Amino acid sequence: WVQPPEVLPPRSGGSTDSSHAGSPSLRPVYELTLKDATLEQTCKVLASMARYSSYTSPSLATQKFSVKNLGTIDELARIIEQQAGIKVVVDHENKEVRFLVRTALEPTLFSE
């Protein structure tokens, strides 16, 4: 005898319209080597690696920066952020990399 096929239950959590809905996103690893480049040039290089657009705050544009490191675009952004003391935003949804001035106070939900 033949059993009819059973219908698979819907996936819990997330949409079922995409076959990649539940899978983690994979990002390529890049090598970033810059010596005495401006932060504007650094932003353009980082953005061009992922084919994103770039924006650098005019007050940061001429600041010199050197880096030699390996990582994903997000990891490289965190390294640049720490070494240069700036705010780096990698917006994957809008495909943009932004270098911004770090504010003196980080926002907090509750202050004592």
N, C-alpha and C. Protein backbone atom coordinates (compact mmCIF):
# COMPACT_ATOMS: atom_id res chain seq x y z
N TRP A 1 0.81 -1.19 0.00
CA TRP A 1 0.00 0.00 0.00
C TRP A 1 0.86 1.26 0.00
N VAL A 2 0.28 2.33 -0.51
CA VAL A 2 1.01 3.59 -0.62
C VAL A 2 0.43 4.60 0.36
N GLN A 3 1.32 5.24 1.12
CA GLN A 3 0.90 6.28 2.05
C GLN A 3 0.96 7.64 1.36
N PRO A 4 -0.05 8.50 1.46
CA PRO A 4 0.03 9.83 0.86
C PRO A 4 1.06 10.67 1.61
N PRO A 5 1.71 11.61 0.92
CA PRO A 5 2.72 12.45 1.59
C PRO A 5 2.06 13.37 2.63
N GLU A 6 2.80 13.60 3.70
CA GLU A 6 2.29 14.47 4.75
C GLU A 6 2.75 15.90 4.47
N VAL A 7 1.94 16.85 4.84
CA VAL A 7 2.29 18.26 4.68
C VAL A 7 3.22 18.64 5.82
N LEU A 8 4.32 19.32 5.49
CA LEU A 8 5.26 19.75 6.51
C LEU A 8 4.67 20.90 7.31
N PRO A 9 4.89 20.92 8.60
CA PRO A 9 4.37 22.05 9.39
C PRO A 9 5.14 23.32 9.04
N PRO A 10 4.52 24.48 9.18
CA PRO A 10 5.22 25.74 8.87
C PRO A 10 6.36 25.95 9.85
N ARG A 11 7.38 26.67 9.39
CA ARG A 11 8.52 26.99 10.25
C ARG A 11 8.07 27.96 11.33
N SER A 12 8.55 27.72 12.52
CA SER A 12 8.20 28.64 13.59
C SER A 12 9.19 29.79 13.59
N GLY A 13 8.68 31.02 13.76
CA GLY A 13 9.53 32.20 13.80
C GLY A 13 10.06 32.58 12.44
N GLY A 14 9.80 33.78 12.02
CA GLY A 14 10.30 34.26 10.73
C GLY A 14 9.33 33.94 9.61
N SER A 15 9.57 34.54 8.48
CA SER A 15 8.69 34.32 7.34
C SER A 15 9.10 33.05 6.60
N THR A 16 8.15 32.45 5.90
CA THR A 16 8.42 31.22 5.16
C THR A 16 8.52 31.49 3.67
N ASP A 17 8.47 32.78 3.29
CA ASP A 17 8.49 33.08 1.86
C ASP A 17 9.88 32.96 1.24
N SER A 18 10.93 32.97 2.04
CA SER A 18 12.29 32.88 1.52
C SER A 18 12.94 31.59 2.03
N SER A 19 13.67 30.93 1.17
CA SER A 19 14.32 29.69 1.59
C SER A 19 15.50 29.96 2.52
N HIS A 20 15.96 31.22 2.58
CA HIS A 20 17.10 31.58 3.44
C HIS A 20 16.67 32.38 4.65
N ALA A 21 15.39 32.34 5.01
CA ALA A 21 14.88 33.18 6.08
C ALA A 21 15.54 32.88 7.43
N GLY A 22 15.78 31.64 7.76
CA GLY A 22 16.32 31.29 9.06
C GLY A 22 17.83 31.13 9.09
N SER A 23 18.49 31.22 7.97
CA SER A 23 19.92 30.98 7.93
C SER A 23 20.70 32.25 8.29
N PRO A 24 21.86 32.09 8.94
CA PRO A 24 22.68 33.26 9.27
C PRO A 24 23.32 33.82 8.01
N SER A 25 23.56 35.13 8.02
CA SER A 25 24.18 35.74 6.85
C SER A 25 25.70 35.52 6.91
N LEU A 26 26.28 35.18 5.79
CA LEU A 26 27.72 34.97 5.70
C LEU A 26 28.34 36.18 5.02
N ARG A 27 29.39 36.69 5.61
CA ARG A 27 30.08 37.86 5.06
C ARG A 27 31.51 37.46 4.69
N PRO A 28 32.00 37.94 3.56
CA PRO A 28 33.37 37.62 3.17
C PRO A 28 34.40 38.30 4.08
N VAL A 29 35.58 37.73 4.13
CA VAL A 29 36.68 38.27 4.92
C VAL A 29 37.60 39.06 3.99
N TYR A 30 37.97 40.26 4.42
CA TYR A 30 38.82 41.15 3.63
C TYR A 30 40.10 41.47 4.39
N GLU A 31 41.12 41.86 3.62
CA GLU A 31 42.34 42.38 4.22
C GLU A 31 42.39 43.87 3.93
N LEU A 32 42.51 44.67 4.97
CA LEU A 32 42.55 46.12 4.83
C LEU A 32 43.92 46.61 5.26
N THR A 33 44.66 47.20 4.32
CA THR A 33 45.98 47.74 4.60
C THR A 33 46.04 49.15 4.06
N LEU A 34 46.14 50.12 4.96
CA LEU A 34 46.23 51.53 4.58
C LEU A 34 47.31 52.19 5.43
N LYS A 35 48.09 53.07 4.81
CA LYS A 35 49.13 53.78 5.53
C LYS A 35 49.00 55.26 5.24
N ASP A 36 48.86 56.05 6.28
CA ASP A 36 48.72 57.50 6.20
C ASP A 36 47.61 57.94 5.23
N ALA A 37 46.50 57.24 5.25
CA ALA A 37 45.35 57.62 4.44
C ALA A 37 44.44 58.52 5.28
N THR A 38 43.66 59.35 4.61
CA THR A 38 42.69 60.16 5.34
C THR A 38 41.52 59.25 5.74
N LEU A 39 40.74 59.69 6.70
CA LEU A 39 39.58 58.90 7.10
C LEU A 39 38.55 58.85 5.98
N GLU A 40 38.51 59.88 5.15
CA GLU A 40 37.61 59.86 4.00
C GLU A 40 38.01 58.75 3.02
N GLN A 41 39.32 58.61 2.77
CA GLN A 41 39.81 57.55 1.89
C GLN A 41 39.56 56.18 2.53
N THR A 42 39.76 56.08 3.84
CA THR A 42 39.53 54.83 4.55
C THR A 42 38.07 54.42 4.44
N CYS A 43 37.17 55.36 4.59
CA CYS A 43 35.74 55.08 4.48
C CYS A 43 35.38 54.61 3.07
N LYS A 44 35.95 55.27 2.06
CA LYS A 44 35.67 54.87 0.68
C LYS A 44 36.18 53.47 0.38
N VAL A 45 37.36 53.13 0.89
CA VAL A 45 37.93 51.80 0.67
C VAL A 45 37.08 50.74 1.36
N LEU A 46 36.71 50.99 2.62
CA LEU A 46 35.89 50.04 3.36
C LEU A 46 34.54 49.83 2.67
N ALA A 47 33.94 50.91 2.22
CA ALA A 47 32.64 50.82 1.54
C ALA A 47 32.76 50.12 0.19
N SER A 48 33.82 50.38 -0.53
CA SER A 48 33.98 49.76 -1.86
C SER A 48 34.21 48.26 -1.78
N MET A 49 34.74 47.77 -0.66
CA MET A 49 34.93 46.33 -0.49
C MET A 49 33.60 45.59 -0.61
N ALA A 50 32.54 46.18 -0.06
CA ALA A 50 31.23 45.54 -0.08
C ALA A 50 30.32 46.17 -1.14
N ARG A 51 30.87 47.04 -1.97
CA ARG A 51 30.10 47.76 -3.00
C ARG A 51 29.00 48.60 -2.38
N TYR A 52 29.34 49.27 -1.28
CA TYR A 52 28.43 50.17 -0.59
C TYR A 52 28.83 51.61 -0.90
N SER A 53 27.93 52.55 -0.63
CA SER A 53 28.27 53.97 -0.74
C SER A 53 28.91 54.39 0.58
N SER A 54 29.56 55.55 0.59
CA SER A 54 30.26 55.99 1.79
C SER A 54 29.92 57.44 2.13
N TYR A 55 30.01 57.76 3.42
CA TYR A 55 29.86 59.13 3.90
C TYR A 55 30.83 59.32 5.05
N THR A 56 31.57 60.43 5.02
CA THR A 56 32.48 60.80 6.10
C THR A 56 32.12 62.19 6.57
N SER A 57 32.00 62.37 7.86
CA SER A 57 31.72 63.69 8.42
C SER A 57 32.83 64.64 7.99
N PRO A 58 32.49 65.85 7.52
CA PRO A 58 33.52 66.80 7.06
C PRO A 58 34.58 67.12 8.11
N SER A 59 34.22 67.07 9.40
CA SER A 59 35.20 67.37 10.44
C SER A 59 36.23 66.25 10.61
N LEU A 60 35.95 65.06 10.07
CA LEU A 60 36.87 63.92 10.17
C LEU A 60 37.64 63.66 8.88
N ALA A 61 37.20 64.23 7.79
CA ALA A 61 37.67 63.85 6.45
C ALA A 61 39.18 63.89 6.27
N THR A 62 39.86 64.87 6.84
CA THR A 62 41.30 65.02 6.58
C THR A 62 42.18 64.38 7.66
N GLN A 63 41.58 63.80 8.67
CA GLN A 63 42.35 63.14 9.73
C GLN A 63 43.07 61.91 9.16
N LYS A 64 44.37 61.79 9.46
CA LYS A 64 45.18 60.68 8.94
C LYS A 64 44.94 59.41 9.76
N PHE A 65 45.06 58.27 9.06
CA PHE A 65 44.79 56.99 9.71
C PHE A 65 45.56 55.89 9.00
N SER A 66 46.09 54.94 9.77
CA SER A 66 46.77 53.76 9.22
C SER A 66 46.20 52.51 9.86
N VAL A 67 46.06 51.46 9.06
CA VAL A 67 45.54 50.20 9.58
C VAL A 67 46.04 49.05 8.72
N LYS A 68 46.26 47.92 9.37
CA LYS A 68 46.57 46.68 8.66
C LYS A 68 45.90 45.57 9.44
N ASN A 69 44.80 45.04 8.87
CA ASN A 69 44.04 44.04 9.59
C ASN A 69 43.24 43.18 8.64
N LEU A 70 42.67 42.10 9.19
CA LEU A 70 41.90 41.13 8.43
C LEU A 70 40.58 40.91 9.15
N GLY A 71 39.45 40.87 8.38
CA GLY A 71 38.16 40.60 9.00
C GLY A 71 37.01 40.89 8.05
N THR A 72 35.80 40.69 8.55
CA THR A 72 34.62 41.04 7.77
C THR A 72 34.47 42.56 7.80
N ILE A 73 33.56 43.08 7.00
CA ILE A 73 33.37 44.54 6.97
C ILE A 73 32.95 45.06 8.34
N ASP A 74 32.14 44.29 9.07
CA ASP A 74 31.72 44.71 10.40
C ASP A 74 32.88 44.69 11.40
N GLU A 75 33.72 43.66 11.32
CA GLU A 75 34.88 43.57 12.21
C GLU A 75 35.88 44.68 11.92
N LEU A 76 36.12 44.96 10.65
CA LEU A 76 37.04 46.05 10.29
C LEU A 76 36.49 47.40 10.75
N ALA A 77 35.17 47.57 10.65
CA ALA A 77 34.55 48.82 11.11
C ALA A 77 34.77 49.01 12.60
N ARG A 78 34.64 47.94 13.41
CA ARG A 78 34.86 48.04 14.86
C ARG A 78 36.32 48.36 15.17
N ILE A 79 37.24 47.78 14.40
CA ILE A 79 38.67 48.05 14.61
C ILE A 79 38.97 49.52 14.31
N ILE A 80 38.46 50.02 13.20
CA ILE A 80 38.66 51.43 12.84
C ILE A 80 38.03 52.34 13.90
N GLU A 81 36.86 51.97 14.35
CA GLU A 81 36.15 52.74 15.37
C GLU A 81 36.99 52.88 16.64
N GLN A 82 37.59 51.78 17.08
CA GLN A 82 38.39 51.79 18.30
C GLN A 82 39.70 52.55 18.11
N GLN A 83 40.38 52.32 16.98
CA GLN A 83 41.69 52.95 16.78
C GLN A 83 41.59 54.43 16.49
N ALA A 84 40.57 54.86 15.75
CA ALA A 84 40.45 56.27 15.38
C ALA A 84 39.61 57.07 16.38
N GLY A 85 38.87 56.38 17.25
CA GLY A 85 38.05 57.09 18.23
C GLY A 85 36.86 57.78 17.59
N ILE A 86 36.26 57.14 16.58
CA ILE A 86 35.12 57.70 15.88
C ILE A 86 33.96 56.70 15.92
N LYS A 87 32.83 57.08 15.38
CA LYS A 87 31.66 56.19 15.28
C LYS A 87 31.59 55.71 13.84
N VAL A 88 31.61 54.40 13.63
CA VAL A 88 31.51 53.80 12.29
C VAL A 88 30.19 53.04 12.22
N VAL A 89 29.38 53.38 11.24
CA VAL A 89 28.09 52.72 11.05
C VAL A 89 28.12 51.98 9.73
N VAL A 90 27.89 50.66 9.76
CA VAL A 90 27.77 49.86 8.55
C VAL A 90 26.29 49.50 8.42
N ASP A 91 25.64 50.12 7.44
CA ASP A 91 24.21 49.93 7.23
C ASP A 91 24.02 48.97 6.06
N HIS A 92 23.79 47.69 6.38
CA HIS A 92 23.65 46.68 5.33
C HIS A 92 22.33 46.83 4.57
N GLU A 93 21.32 47.32 5.25
CA GLU A 93 20.02 47.48 4.60
C GLU A 93 20.06 48.53 3.49
N ASN A 94 20.72 49.68 3.77
CA ASN A 94 20.82 50.76 2.79
C ASN A 94 22.14 50.73 2.02
N LYS A 95 22.97 49.74 2.31
CA LYS A 95 24.27 49.57 1.65
C LYS A 95 25.11 50.85 1.73
N GLU A 96 25.42 51.23 2.97
CA GLU A 96 26.18 52.45 3.20
C GLU A 96 27.10 52.28 4.40
N VAL A 97 28.28 52.92 4.32
CA VAL A 97 29.23 52.99 5.43
C VAL A 97 29.38 54.46 5.79
N ARG A 98 29.22 54.77 7.10
CA ARG A 98 29.30 56.16 7.54
C ARG A 98 30.34 56.29 8.64
N PHE A 99 31.21 57.30 8.51
CA PHE A 99 32.18 57.65 9.55
C PHE A 99 31.67 58.93 10.19
N LEU A 100 31.33 58.86 11.47
CA LEU A 100 30.73 59.99 12.17
C LEU A 100 31.55 60.35 13.40
N VAL A 101 31.37 61.59 13.87
CA VAL A 101 32.03 62.05 15.09
C VAL A 101 31.39 61.33 16.27
N ARG A 102 32.22 60.79 17.14
CA ARG A 102 31.70 60.11 18.33
C ARG A 102 31.25 61.16 19.34
N THR A 103 30.04 60.98 19.85
CA THR A 103 29.53 61.91 20.85
C THR A 103 30.22 61.65 22.18
N ALA A 104 30.31 62.68 23.00
CA ALA A 104 30.99 62.56 24.29
C ALA A 104 30.24 61.62 25.22
N LEU A 105 28.92 61.66 25.18
CA LEU A 105 28.12 60.80 26.04
C LEU A 105 27.35 59.81 25.20
N GLU A 106 27.49 58.55 25.52
CA GLU A 106 26.73 57.51 24.85
C GLU A 106 25.34 57.48 25.48
N PRO A 107 24.29 57.34 24.68
CA PRO A 107 22.96 57.31 25.26
C PRO A 107 22.75 56.08 26.14
N THR A 108 22.06 56.27 27.24
CA THR A 108 21.74 55.17 28.14
C THR A 108 20.25 55.20 28.45
N LEU A 109 19.70 54.05 28.77
CA LEU A 109 18.27 53.98 29.06
C LEU A 109 17.96 54.51 30.46
N PHE A 110 18.77 54.15 31.43
CA PHE A 110 18.55 54.57 32.80
C PHE A 110 19.83 55.13 33.37
N SER A 111 19.75 56.32 33.94
CA SER A 111 20.94 56.89 34.58
C SER A 111 20.69 57.01 36.08
N GLU A 112 21.72 56.84 36.84
CA GLU A 112 21.57 56.89 38.30
C GLU A 112 22.09 58.17 38.85
